[in-house]
Amino acid sequence: MEKGTVKKIAFFLNKTLQVRKIRDASVNGLQVQSRKTGPITTVGFAVDACIQTFEKAKERNVDLLVVHHGILWKPRKDRDLENKRIVSLKKSNMALYAAHLPLDLHEEFGNNAQLARLLGVQQLRKFGRYHGIKIGYAGAFRAATSMRSVSSRLSDILKADCCQYQFGKKRIRSIGIVSGGGGSMLVDAVQEGLDCFLVGEIDLGVYNAAKEHRINLIVGGHYATETVGVKSLMPLLKKTFDVSTVFISDPKKL
């Protein structure tokens, strides 16, 4: 079994998630290197690269933290906060790896494919165009089901409260899924004639549009809907590199 150094794990994730082939505002890949050059013991997984997460990861003796939302973006967002976060990581001798869009759209480990499978959605196809790339998935349930049933199952899966807005059919069969802040892709769901659109978060404009288009809407939370992608990578790295893995929970009601 290959020894799990930071560089080897980062190279493996780059190849698995095809991060170099996907255009993104996030600087995907190894964002912060640590001083540790030999094999690492523990890989942490989290949604957000923020100081609260770093502190929790340090308590769990994490050597490498794999996140969905990293700290390096193009264009740079907040240089002071970026530097503060880098200093925090350096003090803990913790490396940071980020995968944003590559972990949304991946057909096996991505947030959207994971959500679809966990909900039992079948006949999956790519859905939801974002900057020229389809990052979500659409499909159908085996049989028509109620909004309450789908929302309740999603809440159980994510361990979070989900909001449902029944603006359309009482029973749904087809659904489009885009995790996180994918509200702008409501229009794709409308154009494809789907019964329901599942998304992480919305703004008032998306709410009004869904109501006027008479399409059902399930809002699972930006944070909650993007926990499933990083979690899906845990057994993969554990098996490939014989490292301990831990999910660093830092939930938000967003």
Protein backbone atom coordinates (compact mmCIF):
# COMPACT_ATOMS: atom_id res chain seq x y z
CA MET A 1 0.00 0.00 0.00
CA GLU A 2 1.30 3.44 -0.94
CA LYS A 3 2.51 5.68 1.89
CA GLY A 4 0.21 8.65 2.41
CA THR A 5 2.33 11.77 2.21
CA VAL A 6 0.62 15.12 1.70
CA LYS A 7 1.95 15.43 -1.86
CA LYS A 8 0.96 11.90 -2.87
CA ILE A 9 -2.57 12.28 -1.50
CA ALA A 10 -2.95 15.66 -3.20
CA PHE A 11 -1.74 14.18 -6.51
CA PHE A 12 -4.19 11.28 -6.12
CA LEU A 13 -7.12 13.61 -5.42
CA ASN A 14 -6.15 15.88 -8.33
CA LYS A 15 -6.26 12.89 -10.67
CA THR A 16 -9.40 11.33 -9.20
CA LEU A 17 -11.41 14.56 -9.23
CA GLN A 18 -9.81 15.85 -12.45
CA VAL A 19 -9.25 19.23 -10.86
CA ARG A 20 -6.94 20.51 -13.62
CA LYS A 21 -9.61 20.01 -16.28
CA ILE A 22 -12.34 22.07 -14.59
CA ARG A 23 -12.38 25.86 -14.66
CA ASP A 24 -13.26 27.31 -11.29
CA ALA A 25 -12.95 30.46 -9.18
CA SER A 26 -11.43 28.26 -6.49
CA VAL A 27 -7.72 27.50 -6.70
CA ASN A 28 -8.33 23.77 -6.43
CA GLY A 29 -5.68 21.38 -5.20
CA LEU A 30 -3.10 21.66 -2.43
CA GLN A 31 -3.54 25.23 -1.14
CA VAL A 32 -1.29 25.16 1.92
CA GLN A 33 1.65 22.80 2.45
CA SER A 34 2.85 21.71 5.88
CA ARG A 35 6.34 21.06 7.18
CA LYS A 36 5.64 17.34 7.42
CA THR A 37 7.28 15.54 4.48
CA GLY A 38 6.85 11.92 5.56
CA PRO A 39 3.74 9.74 5.78
CA ILE A 40 0.81 11.34 7.55
CA THR A 41 -1.46 9.71 10.09
CA THR A 42 -4.81 11.50 9.96
CA VAL A 43 -6.75 13.17 7.15
CA GLY A 44 -9.62 15.44 8.12
CA PHE A 45 -12.58 16.29 5.91
CA ALA A 46 -14.74 19.41 6.19
CA VAL A 47 -16.95 21.69 4.14
CA ASP A 48 -15.34 25.03 5.00
CA ALA A 49 -11.75 26.13 5.46
CA CYS A 50 -12.22 28.51 8.37
CA ILE A 51 -10.43 29.00 11.66
CA GLN A 52 -13.17 27.29 13.70
CA THR A 53 -12.70 24.19 11.55
CA PHE A 54 -8.91 24.38 11.83
CA GLU A 55 -9.15 24.48 15.62
CA LYS A 56 -11.43 21.44 15.69
CA ALA A 57 -9.14 19.62 13.28
CA LYS A 58 -6.11 20.37 15.44
CA GLU A 59 -7.87 18.77 18.42
CA ARG A 60 -8.22 15.60 16.29
CA ASN A 61 -4.52 15.66 15.30
CA VAL A 62 -5.29 16.19 11.63
CA ASP A 63 -2.24 16.38 9.34
CA LEU A 64 -4.10 17.17 6.12
CA LEU A 65 -7.50 18.83 5.87
CA VAL A 66 -9.57 18.22 2.72
CA VAL A 67 -12.32 20.80 2.18
CA HIS A 68 -14.93 21.88 -0.34
CA HIS A 69 -14.59 25.63 0.25
CA GLY A 70 -10.90 26.52 0.40
CA ILE A 71 -9.15 29.80 1.20
CA LEU A 72 -7.65 30.69 -2.20
CA TRP A 73 -9.93 32.16 -4.87
CA LYS A 74 -9.63 34.03 -8.16
CA PRO A 75 -9.96 36.93 -7.81
CA ARG A 76 -8.72 37.02 -4.23
CA LYS A 77 -11.59 37.83 -1.87
CA ASP A 78 -10.20 39.01 1.47
CA ARG A 79 -6.41 39.02 1.69
CA ASP A 80 -6.28 39.81 5.40
CA LEU A 81 -8.54 36.88 6.28
CA GLU A 82 -6.73 34.65 3.80
CA ASN A 83 -3.39 35.42 5.49
CA LYS A 84 -4.89 34.89 8.95
CA ARG A 85 -6.12 31.45 7.94
CA ILE A 86 -2.76 30.51 6.44
CA VAL A 87 -1.00 31.54 9.65
CA SER A 88 -3.44 29.39 11.65
CA LEU A 89 -2.70 26.36 9.46
CA LYS A 90 1.05 26.91 9.61
CA LYS A 91 0.99 27.13 13.40
CA SER A 92 -0.76 23.77 13.53
CA ASN A 93 1.52 22.29 10.85
CA MET A 94 -1.60 21.33 8.92
CA ALA A 95 -1.83 21.10 5.13
CA LEU A 96 -4.97 22.17 3.25
CA TYR A 97 -6.46 20.68 0.10
CA ALA A 98 -9.57 22.14 -1.61
CA ALA A 99 -11.90 20.86 -4.32
CA HIS A 100 -14.84 23.12 -5.18
CA LEU A 101 -16.62 22.54 -8.52
CA PRO A 102 -14.76 19.25 -9.10
CA LEU A 103 -16.42 17.92 -5.94
CA ASP A 104 -19.83 19.26 -6.93
CA LEU A 105 -20.01 17.60 -10.33
CA HIS A 106 -18.04 14.35 -9.96
CA GLU A 107 -20.16 11.43 -11.12
CA GLU A 108 -19.20 9.22 -8.16
CA PHE A 109 -17.93 11.36 -5.28
CA GLY A 110 -19.65 14.67 -6.08
CA ASN A 111 -22.19 16.35 -3.82
CA ASN A 112 -24.97 16.17 -6.38
CA ALA A 113 -24.48 12.56 -7.46
CA GLN A 114 -24.25 11.54 -3.80
CA LEU A 115 -27.47 13.36 -2.92
CA ALA A 116 -29.26 11.77 -5.85
CA ARG A 117 -28.20 8.25 -4.91
CA LEU A 118 -28.93 8.72 -1.22
CA LEU A 119 -32.46 9.80 -2.14
CA GLY A 120 -32.94 6.87 -4.47
CA VAL A 121 -33.13 8.95 -7.66
CA GLN A 122 -32.70 6.82 -10.80
CA GLN A 123 -31.96 7.39 -14.49
CA LEU A 124 -29.42 10.05 -13.59
CA ARG A 125 -28.27 12.58 -16.16
CA LYS A 126 -26.19 15.75 -15.99
CA PHE A 127 -28.22 18.85 -15.17
CA GLY A 128 -27.84 22.51 -14.22
CA ARG A 129 -25.46 24.60 -16.29
CA TYR A 130 -23.04 26.82 -14.35
CA HIS A 131 -20.51 28.87 -16.32
CA GLY A 132 -20.87 26.48 -19.23
CA ILE A 133 -20.57 23.29 -17.15
CA LYS A 134 -23.40 21.06 -15.98
CA ILE A 135 -22.68 20.57 -12.30
CA GLY A 136 -25.90 18.95 -11.03
CA TYR A 137 -27.90 15.80 -11.66
CA ALA A 138 -31.51 15.15 -12.59
CA GLY A 139 -33.49 11.96 -12.59
CA ALA A 140 -36.66 10.29 -11.38
CA PHE A 141 -37.95 8.37 -8.40
CA ARG A 142 -39.14 4.81 -8.96
CA ALA A 143 -42.69 5.97 -8.30
CA ALA A 144 -44.39 9.30 -7.68
CA THR A 145 -43.94 10.41 -4.09
CA SER A 146 -44.92 13.27 -1.83
CA MET A 147 -42.83 16.36 -1.20
CA ARG A 148 -43.04 15.65 2.53
CA SER A 149 -41.53 12.20 2.03
CA VAL A 150 -38.56 13.49 0.00
CA SER A 151 -37.92 16.42 2.34
CA SER A 152 -38.14 14.18 5.41
CA ARG A 153 -35.70 11.68 3.93
CA LEU A 154 -33.28 14.46 3.03
CA SER A 155 -33.47 15.84 6.56
CA ASP A 156 -32.66 12.39 7.95
CA ILE A 157 -29.70 11.97 5.58
CA LEU A 158 -28.22 15.39 6.26
CA LYS A 159 -29.18 15.57 9.94
CA ALA A 160 -30.48 19.06 9.20
CA ASP A 161 -33.81 20.86 8.80
CA CYS A 162 -34.93 21.15 5.19
CA CYS A 163 -37.53 23.57 3.86
CA GLN A 164 -40.12 22.49 1.32
CA TYR A 165 -42.24 24.77 -0.83
CA GLN A 166 -45.07 23.01 -2.64
CA PHE A 167 -45.74 25.33 -5.54
CA GLY A 168 -46.45 22.56 -8.05
CA LYS A 169 -47.69 18.98 -8.18
CA LYS A 170 -48.75 17.27 -4.97
CA ARG A 171 -46.80 14.17 -5.93
CA ILE A 172 -43.47 14.35 -7.69
CA ARG A 173 -41.54 11.97 -9.93
CA SER A 174 -38.75 13.98 -11.57
CA ILE A 175 -36.20 16.10 -9.69
CA GLY A 176 -33.14 18.25 -10.39
CA ILE A 177 -30.40 18.55 -7.77
CA VAL A 178 -27.75 21.24 -7.29
CA SER A 179 -26.06 21.50 -3.90
CA GLY A 180 -24.95 24.73 -2.23
CA GLY A 181 -25.77 28.07 -3.79
CA GLY A 182 -27.21 26.72 -7.02
CA GLY A 183 -30.46 28.69 -6.98
CA SER A 184 -29.78 30.27 -10.37
CA MET A 185 -30.24 26.85 -11.95
CA LEU A 186 -33.95 26.86 -11.15
CA VAL A 187 -34.43 28.01 -14.71
CA ASP A 188 -32.90 24.72 -15.95
CA ALA A 189 -35.40 22.75 -13.88
CA VAL A 190 -38.26 24.81 -15.32
CA GLN A 191 -37.04 24.42 -18.89
CA GLU A 192 -36.73 20.65 -18.46
CA GLY A 193 -40.23 20.42 -17.00
CA LEU A 194 -39.10 18.83 -13.73
CA ASP A 195 -41.52 18.36 -10.86
CA CYS A 196 -39.10 19.52 -8.18
CA PHE A 197 -35.82 21.39 -7.73
CA LEU A 198 -33.57 20.54 -4.78
CA VAL A 199 -30.92 23.10 -3.88
CA GLY A 200 -28.76 24.16 -0.95
CA GLU A 201 -29.85 27.77 -0.60
CA ILE A 202 -31.96 30.35 -2.41
CA ASP A 203 -32.60 34.08 -2.41
CA LEU A 204 -35.94 35.84 -2.56
CA GLY A 205 -35.83 36.06 -6.34
CA VAL A 206 -35.53 32.29 -6.71
CA TYR A 207 -38.38 31.77 -4.25
CA ASN A 208 -40.65 34.09 -6.24
CA ALA A 209 -39.63 32.53 -9.55
CA ALA A 210 -40.37 29.01 -8.29
CA LYS A 211 -43.77 30.12 -7.07
CA GLU A 212 -44.67 31.79 -10.34
CA HIS A 213 -43.40 28.87 -12.42
CA ARG A 214 -45.34 26.52 -10.15
CA ILE A 215 -42.42 24.22 -9.54
CA ASN A 216 -41.80 22.52 -6.19
CA LEU A 217 -38.73 23.54 -4.25
CA ILE A 218 -36.70 21.81 -1.52
CA VAL A 219 -33.97 23.81 0.22
CA GLY A 220 -31.59 21.62 2.19
CA GLY A 221 -29.03 24.19 3.36
CA HIS A 222 -25.78 25.25 1.67
CA TYR A 223 -23.58 23.67 4.32
CA ALA A 224 -25.64 20.52 4.82
CA THR A 225 -25.98 19.62 1.14
CA GLU A 226 -22.22 19.88 0.71
CA THR A 227 -21.21 17.54 3.51
CA VAL A 228 -21.86 14.44 1.41
CA GLY A 229 -19.09 14.99 -1.14
CA VAL A 230 -16.17 15.27 1.27
CA LYS A 231 -17.59 12.40 3.35
CA SER A 232 -17.64 10.17 0.27
CA LEU A 233 -13.87 10.62 -0.10
CA MET A 234 -13.14 9.31 3.40
CA PRO A 235 -13.29 5.54 2.72
CA LEU A 236 -11.43 6.03 -0.56
CA LEU A 237 -8.39 7.64 1.09
CA LYS A 238 -8.53 5.31 4.07
CA LYS A 239 -8.34 2.29 1.77
CA THR A 240 -5.78 3.73 -0.66
CA PHE A 241 -3.30 5.15 1.84
CA ASP A 242 -4.10 3.38 5.13
CA VAL A 243 -4.68 6.66 6.98
CA SER A 244 -7.15 7.50 9.69
CA THR A 245 -10.00 9.72 8.51
CA VAL A 246 -12.28 12.04 10.46
CA PHE A 247 -15.11 14.38 9.48
CA ILE A 248 -14.82 17.79 11.11
CA SER A 249 -18.35 19.00 11.72
CA ASP A 250 -18.99 22.75 11.87
CA PRO A 251 -22.68 23.07 10.93
CA LYS A 252 -24.37 26.30 9.92
CA LYS A 253 -28.06 27.00 9.35
CA LEU A 254 -27.32 28.31 5.89
